[in-house]
C-alpha atoms as a PDB file:
ATOM      1  CA  MET A   1     -13.249  13.416 -14.269  1.00  0.00           C
ATOM      2  CA  ALA A   2     -10.136  14.676 -12.922  1.00  0.00           C
ATOM      3  CA  PHE A   3      -8.840  12.716  -9.842  1.00  0.00           C
ATOM      4  CA  THR A   4      -7.275  14.648  -6.724  1.00  0.00           C
ATOM      5  CA  LEU A   5      -5.073  13.868  -3.739  1.00  0.00           C
ATOM      6  CA  HIS A   6      -6.841  13.876  -0.816  1.00  0.00           C
ATOM      7  CA  ALA A   7      -5.439  14.890   2.538  1.00  0.00           C
ATOM      8  CA  LEU A   8      -3.974  12.806   5.006  1.00  0.00           C
ATOM      9  CA  PRO A   9      -6.240  11.566   7.377  1.00  0.00           C
ATOM     10  CA  TYR A  10      -3.678  12.768  10.370  1.00  0.00           C
ATOM     11  CA  ALA A  11      -0.760  15.240  10.274  1.00  0.00           C
ATOM     12  CA  TYR A  12       2.140  14.980   8.802  1.00  0.00           C
ATOM     13  CA  ASP A  13       4.168  14.408  12.039  1.00  0.00           C
ATOM     14  CA  ALA A  14       1.825  12.396  13.612  1.00  0.00           C
ATOM     15  CA  LEU A  15       3.456   9.100  12.694  1.00  0.00           C
ATOM     16  CA  GLU A  16       6.855  10.269  14.549  1.00  0.00           C
ATOM     17  CA  PRO A  17       8.993   8.708  15.653  1.00  0.00           C
ATOM     18  CA  TYR A  18       8.551   5.858  13.196  1.00  0.00           C
ATOM     19  CA  ILE A  19       8.222   8.013  10.194  1.00  0.00           C
ATOM     20  CA  ASP A  20       9.502  11.126   9.769  1.00  0.00           C
ATOM     21  CA  THR A  21       7.476  14.598   9.053  1.00  0.00           C
ATOM     22  CA  LEU A  22       9.862  15.300   5.957  1.00  0.00           C
ATOM     23  CA  THR A  23       9.514  11.810   4.062  1.00  0.00           C
ATOM     24  CA  MET A  24       5.643  12.372   5.446  1.00  0.00           C
ATOM     25  CA  GLN A  25       5.929  15.660   3.285  1.00  0.00           C
ATOM     26  CA  ILE A  26       7.674  14.208   0.708  1.00  0.00           C
ATOM     27  CA  HIS A  27       6.000  11.111   0.037  1.00  0.00           C
ATOM     28  CA  HIS A  28       2.558  12.422   0.316  1.00  0.00           C
ATOM     29  CA  GLY A  29       3.202  15.899  -1.527  1.00  0.00           C
ATOM     30  CA  LYS A  30       5.473  15.373  -4.280  1.00  0.00           C
ATOM     31  CA  HIS A  31       5.225  11.507  -4.621  1.00  0.00           C
ATOM     32  CA  HIS A  32       1.786  11.246  -4.672  1.00  0.00           C
ATOM     33  CA  GLN A  33       0.758  14.365  -6.118  1.00  0.00           C
ATOM     34  CA  ALA A  34       2.534  13.603  -8.642  1.00  0.00           C
ATOM     35  CA  TYR A  35       0.979  10.335  -9.646  1.00  0.00           C
ATOM     36  CA  VAL A  36      -2.378  11.878  -9.227  1.00  0.00           C
ATOM     37  CA  ASP A  37      -1.296  15.018 -11.628  1.00  0.00           C
ATOM     38  CA  ASN A  38       0.389  12.286 -13.958  1.00  0.00           C
ATOM     39  CA  LEU A  39      -2.766  10.206 -13.991  1.00  0.00           C
ATOM     40  CA  ASN A  40      -4.840  13.043 -14.790  1.00  0.00           C
ATOM     41  CA  LYS A  41      -2.528  14.168 -18.017  1.00  0.00           C
ATOM     42  CA  ALA A  42      -2.639  10.587 -19.320  1.00  0.00           C
ATOM     43  CA  ILE A  43      -6.466  10.062 -19.301  1.00  0.00           C
ATOM     44  CA  ALA A  44      -6.999  13.445 -20.466  1.00  0.00           C
ATOM     45  CA  GLY A  45      -9.166  13.348 -23.724  1.00  0.00           C
ATOM     46  CA  THR A  46      -9.150   9.279 -24.081  1.00  0.00           C
ATOM     47  CA  GLU A  47     -11.998   6.509 -23.071  1.00  0.00           C
ATOM     48  CA  ASN A  48     -10.227   6.335 -19.543  1.00  0.00           C
ATOM     49  CA  GLU A  49     -11.023   9.740 -19.064  1.00  0.00           C
ATOM     50  CA  ASN A  50     -14.881   9.018 -17.227  1.00  0.00           C
ATOM     51  CA  LYS A  51     -13.676   5.255 -15.254  1.00  0.00           C
ATOM     52  CA  SER A  52     -12.951   5.512 -11.943  1.00  0.00           C
ATOM     53  CA  LEU A  53      -9.860   4.577 -10.454  1.00  0.00           C
ATOM     54  CA  GLU A  54     -11.098   0.772  -9.153  1.00  0.00           C
ATOM     55  CA  ASP A  55     -11.936   0.266 -13.328  1.00  0.00           C
ATOM     56  CA  LEU A  56      -8.513   1.631 -14.002  1.00  0.00           C
ATOM     57  CA  VAL A  57      -6.589  -0.814 -11.834  1.00  0.00           C
ATOM     58  CA  GLU A  58      -8.184  -3.552 -12.485  1.00  0.00           C
ATOM     59  CA  SER A  59      -7.271  -3.458 -15.925  1.00  0.00           C
ATOM     60  CA  ALA A  60      -4.157  -2.340 -15.831  1.00  0.00           C
ATOM     61  CA  GLY A  61      -3.072  -5.164 -18.563  1.00  0.00           C
ATOM     62  CA  SER A  62      -5.146  -3.482 -21.193  1.00  0.00           C
ATOM     63  CA  ILE A  63      -4.148   0.074 -20.176  1.00  0.00           C
ATOM     64  CA  SER A  64      -1.459   2.719 -21.078  1.00  0.00           C
ATOM     65  CA  PRO A  65       2.072   2.170 -18.743  1.00  0.00           C
ATOM     66  CA  ALA A  66       1.046   5.810 -18.148  1.00  0.00           C
ATOM     67  CA  VAL A  67      -2.159   4.978 -16.515  1.00  0.00           C
ATOM     68  CA  ARG A  68      -1.126   1.937 -15.135  1.00  0.00           C
ATOM     69  CA  ASN A  69       1.585   3.211 -12.945  1.00  0.00           C
ATOM     70  CA  ASN A  70       0.192   6.211 -12.151  1.00  0.00           C
ATOM     71  CA  GLY A  71      -2.947   4.774 -11.308  1.00  0.00           C
ATOM     72  CA  GLY A  72      -2.130   2.276  -9.358  1.00  0.00           C
ATOM     73  CA  GLY A  73       0.316   4.920  -7.627  1.00  0.00           C
ATOM     74  CA  HIS A  74      -2.811   7.051  -6.690  1.00  0.00           C
ATOM     75  CA  TRP A  75      -4.570   4.143  -5.852  1.00  0.00           C
ATOM     76  CA  ASN A  76      -1.695   2.423  -3.785  1.00  0.00           C
ATOM     77  CA  HIS A  77      -1.161   5.472  -2.034  1.00  0.00           C
ATOM     78  CA  THR A  78      -4.459   6.282  -1.081  1.00  0.00           C
ATOM     79  CA  PHE A  79      -4.941   2.919   0.530  1.00  0.00           C
ATOM     80  CA  PHE A  80      -1.738   2.950   2.288  1.00  0.00           C
ATOM     81  CA  TRP A  81      -2.264   6.170   4.169  1.00  0.00           C
ATOM     82  CA  ASN A  82      -5.113   4.600   5.506  1.00  0.00           C
ATOM     83  CA  SER A  83      -3.805   1.434   6.734  1.00  0.00           C
ATOM     84  CA  LEU A  84      -1.231   3.735   9.015  1.00  0.00           C
ATOM     85  CA  ALA A  85      -2.552   5.440  12.119  1.00  0.00           C
ATOM     86  CA  PRO A  86      -0.924   7.318  15.099  1.00  0.00           C
ATOM     87  CA  GLY A  87      -0.717   5.735  18.243  1.00  0.00           C
ATOM     88  CA  ALA A  88      -2.077   2.145  16.417  1.00  0.00           C
ATOM     89  CA  GLY A  89       0.035  -0.542  15.984  1.00  0.00           C
ATOM     90  CA  GLY A  90      -0.174  -3.205  18.499  1.00  0.00           C
ATOM     91  CA  SER A  91      -1.633  -6.454  17.542  1.00  0.00           C
ATOM     92  CA  PRO A  92      -4.628  -7.423  15.479  1.00  0.00           C
ATOM     93  CA  SER A  93      -8.245  -9.102  17.663  1.00  0.00           C
ATOM     94  CA  GLY A  94     -11.225 -10.402  16.904  1.00  0.00           C
ATOM     95  CA  ARG A  95     -11.997 -12.093  13.505  1.00  0.00           C
ATOM     96  CA  LEU A  96      -8.705 -10.479  11.900  1.00  0.00           C
ATOM     97  CA  ALA A  97      -6.386 -11.691  14.519  1.00  0.00           C
ATOM     98  CA  GLU A  98      -8.270 -15.633  14.041  1.00  0.00           C
ATOM     99  CA  ALA A  99      -8.005 -15.842  10.311  1.00  0.00           C
ATOM    100  CA  ILE A 100      -3.927 -14.431  10.625  1.00  0.00           C
ATOM    101  CA  ASN A 101      -3.349 -17.067  13.192  1.00  0.00           C
ATOM    102  CA  GLY A 102      -4.960 -19.816  11.111  1.00  0.00           C
ATOM    103  CA  ALA A 103      -3.308 -18.894   7.846  1.00  0.00           C
ATOM    104  CA  PHE A 104       0.376 -18.513   9.174  1.00  0.00           C
ATOM    105  CA  GLY A 105       0.160 -19.962  12.784  1.00  0.00           C
ATOM    106  CA  SER A 106       0.457 -16.954  14.835  1.00  0.00           C
ATOM    107  CA  PHE A 107       0.663 -13.135  14.629  1.00  0.00           C
ATOM    108  CA  ASP A 108       4.501 -13.513  15.180  1.00  0.00           C
ATOM    109  CA  GLU A 109       5.060 -15.489  12.051  1.00  0.00           C
ATOM    110  CA  PHE A 110       2.658 -13.520  10.093  1.00  0.00           C
ATOM    111  CA  LYS A 111       5.037 -10.371  10.971  1.00  0.00           C
ATOM    112  CA  THR A 112       8.150 -12.594   9.687  1.00  0.00           C
ATOM    113  CA  LYS A 113       6.554 -13.436   6.685  1.00  0.00           C
ATOM    114  CA  PHE A 114       5.076  -9.983   5.733  1.00  0.00           C
ATOM    115  CA  VAL A 115       8.661  -8.711   6.397  1.00  0.00           C
ATOM    116  CA  ALA A 116      10.427 -11.048   4.284  1.00  0.00           C
ATOM    117  CA  ALA A 117       7.732 -10.453   1.159  1.00  0.00           C
ATOM    118  CA  GLY A 118       8.956  -6.730   1.646  1.00  0.00           C
ATOM    119  CA  ILE A 119      12.555  -7.008   1.908  1.00  0.00           C
ATOM    120  CA  GLY A 120      12.483  -9.669  -0.925  1.00  0.00           C
ATOM    121  CA  ARG A 121      11.025  -7.340  -3.217  1.00  0.00           C
ATOM    122  CA  PHE A 122      13.925  -6.381  -5.679  1.00  0.00           C
ATOM    123  CA  GLY A 123      13.533  -2.589  -6.471  1.00  0.00           C
ATOM    124  CA  SER A 124      10.591  -0.783  -5.880  1.00  0.00           C
ATOM    125  CA  GLY A 125       7.196  -2.206  -4.977  1.00  0.00           C
ATOM    126  CA  TRP A 126       4.567  -3.122  -2.163  1.00  0.00           C
ATOM    127  CA  ALA A 127       4.063  -5.983   0.393  1.00  0.00           C
ATOM    128  CA  TRP A 128       0.138  -7.022   0.718  1.00  0.00           C
ATOM    129  CA  LEU A 129      -1.884  -9.140   2.870  1.00  0.00           C
ATOM    130  CA  ILE A 130      -4.859 -10.416   0.796  1.00  0.00           C
ATOM    131  CA  ILE A 131      -7.701 -12.513   0.968  1.00  0.00           C
ATOM    132  CA  LYS A 132      -8.224 -14.748  -2.224  1.00  0.00           C
ATOM    133  CA  LYS A 133     -11.117 -15.867  -3.622  1.00  0.00           C
ATOM    134  CA  ASP A 134     -11.360 -18.860  -1.323  1.00  0.00           C
ATOM    135  CA  GLY A 135     -11.681 -16.859   1.142  1.00  0.00           C
ATOM    136  CA  LYS A 136      -8.342 -17.590   2.503  1.00  0.00           C
ATOM    137  CA  LEU A 137      -5.582 -15.044   3.761  1.00  0.00           C
ATOM    138  CA  ASP A 138      -1.973 -15.134   2.041  1.00  0.00           C
ATOM    139  CA  ILE A 139       1.006 -12.661   1.648  1.00  0.00           C
ATOM    140  CA  SER A 140       2.474 -11.421  -1.964  1.00  0.00           C
ATOM    141  CA  SER A 141       4.908  -8.200  -3.372  1.00  0.00           C
ATOM    142  CA  THR A 142       4.469  -6.353  -6.123  1.00  0.00           C
ATOM    143  CA  PRO A 143       7.086  -4.703  -8.326  1.00  0.00           C
ATOM    144  CA  ASN A 144       6.347  -1.090  -8.895  1.00  0.00           C
ATOM    145  CA  GLN A 145       2.624   0.434  -8.564  1.00  0.00           C
ATOM    146  CA  ASP A 146       1.602  -2.842  -9.228  1.00  0.00           C
ATOM    147  CA  ASN A 147      -1.457  -4.220  -6.580  1.00  0.00           C
ATOM    148  CA  PRO A 148      -3.184  -7.804  -5.927  1.00  0.00           C
ATOM    149  CA  VAL A 149      -6.202  -6.034  -7.024  1.00  0.00           C
ATOM    150  CA  MET A 150      -5.039  -5.651 -11.035  1.00  0.00           C
ATOM    151  CA  ASP A 151      -5.743  -8.336 -13.662  1.00  0.00           C
ATOM    152  CA  VAL A 152      -2.249  -8.415 -14.268  1.00  0.00           C
ATOM    153  CA  ALA A 153      -0.888  -9.452 -10.557  1.00  0.00           C
ATOM    154  CA  GLU A 154       0.769 -12.558 -10.012  1.00  0.00           C
ATOM    155  CA  THR A 155      -1.041 -13.221  -6.821  1.00  0.00           C
ATOM    156  CA  LYS A 156      -4.596 -11.748  -6.861  1.00  0.00           C
ATOM    157  CA  GLY A 157      -6.262 -10.877  -4.222  1.00  0.00           C
ATOM    158  CA  ILE A 158      -8.525  -8.309  -1.994  1.00  0.00           C
ATOM    159  CA  PRO A 159      -5.951  -6.143  -0.360  1.00  0.00           C
ATOM    160  CA  LEU A 160      -6.164  -5.859   3.405  1.00  0.00           C
ATOM    161  CA  LEU A 161      -2.784  -4.349   3.982  1.00  0.00           C
ATOM    162  CA  GLY A 162      -0.069  -2.673   1.725  1.00  0.00           C
ATOM    163  CA  VAL A 163       3.153  -1.384   3.145  1.00  0.00           C
ATOM    164  CA  ASP A 164       5.146   1.274   0.408  1.00  0.00           C
ATOM    165  CA  VAL A 165       9.140  -0.404  -0.005  1.00  0.00           C
ATOM    166  CA  TRP A 166       9.983   2.192  -2.274  1.00  0.00           C
ATOM    167  CA  GLU A 167      13.274   3.998  -1.189  1.00  0.00           C
ATOM    168  CA  HIS A 168      10.970   7.232  -1.237  1.00  0.00           C
ATOM    169  CA  ALA A 169       8.766   5.765   1.755  1.00  0.00           C
ATOM    170  CA  TYR A 170      11.859   5.367   4.095  1.00  0.00           C
ATOM    171  CA  TYR A 171      15.346   6.618   2.501  1.00  0.00           C
ATOM    172  CA  LEU A 172      15.713   9.657   4.678  1.00  0.00           C
ATOM    173  CA  LYS A 173      15.294   8.701   8.333  1.00  0.00           C
ATOM    174  CA  TYR A 174      16.525   4.472   7.701  1.00  0.00           C
ATOM    175  CA  GLN A 175      18.844   5.186   4.388  1.00  0.00           C
ATOM    176  CA  ASN A 176      19.443   1.740   2.731  1.00  0.00           C
ATOM    177  CA  LYS A 177      18.362  -0.073   5.734  1.00  0.00           C
ATOM    178  CA  ARG A 178      14.469  -1.853   4.616  1.00  0.00           C
ATOM    179  CA  ALA A 179      14.507  -3.958   7.349  1.00  0.00           C
ATOM    180  CA  ASP A 180      14.588  -0.971   9.811  1.00  0.00           C
ATOM    181  CA  TYR A 181      11.637   0.298   8.383  1.00  0.00           C
ATOM    182  CA  LEU A 182       9.828  -2.794   7.912  1.00  0.00           C
ATOM    183  CA  ALA A 183      10.355  -3.287  12.330  1.00  0.00           C
ATOM    184  CA  ALA A 184       8.895   0.109  13.066  1.00  0.00           C
ATOM    185  CA  ILE A 185       5.935   0.297  10.677  1.00  0.00           C
ATOM    186  CA  TRP A 186       4.297  -1.979  12.687  1.00  0.00           C
ATOM    187  CA  ASN A 187       4.175   1.032  15.991  1.00  0.00           C
ATOM    188  CA  VAL A 188       1.694   3.007  12.833  1.00  0.00           C
ATOM    189  CA  ILE A 189      -0.085  -0.101  11.370  1.00  0.00           C
ATOM    190  CA  ASN A 190      -4.158   0.771  11.848  1.00  0.00           C
ATOM    191  CA  TRP A 191      -5.356  -2.653  12.839  1.00  0.00           C
ATOM    192  CA  THR A 192      -8.473  -1.258  13.276  1.00  0.00           C
ATOM    193  CA  LYS A 193      -8.978  -0.431   9.350  1.00  0.00           C
ATOM    194  CA  VAL A 194      -7.518  -3.938   8.179  1.00  0.00           C
ATOM    195  CA  ALA A 195     -10.174  -5.315  10.083  1.00  0.00           C
ATOM    196  CA  GLU A 196     -12.425  -3.333   8.331  1.00  0.00           C
ATOM    197  CA  ARG A 197     -11.329  -4.031   5.141  1.00  0.00           C
ATOM    198  CA  LEU A 198     -11.456  -7.872   5.910  1.00  0.00           C
END
């Protein structure tokens, strides 16, 4: 079962000025495409060939590094694109807002802690808002293309929001200023999608 790269749910320029068009073209069309292509190569002719992406990601600890990294890259990026939307941003409402306020004290405090997780990730990786087994929200960070669904994750949970903090996600516009990228991304977070995941 070969995996494919799906089209974005919006145009490449739709997230301007917060995420620039060229970054989106390269990030989706080159980086994400490479994860899909390399994943397909890595599973070809193996016992993993007919597994779902979810099955591969959940068993990251027992699959090859190539499948783990490229499968994680495909899963994470697909999740990320759907976490963003043009004209979005603002703040969550309803049950999601209540859950965030209950877990972190306020939306502003949540944002502060989430940004700290992203800035604090040494090298490449991701910042996540997750719901843990006990039903409580938490913030975590994973290296490389790992995610909280993986059996190897330090903090496991169901992702509600994931933000890419690899340099390729922001370098053309923000250079080495990851904090500026993380400050800007709140303008395009699709809180409707995050709430659906809750």
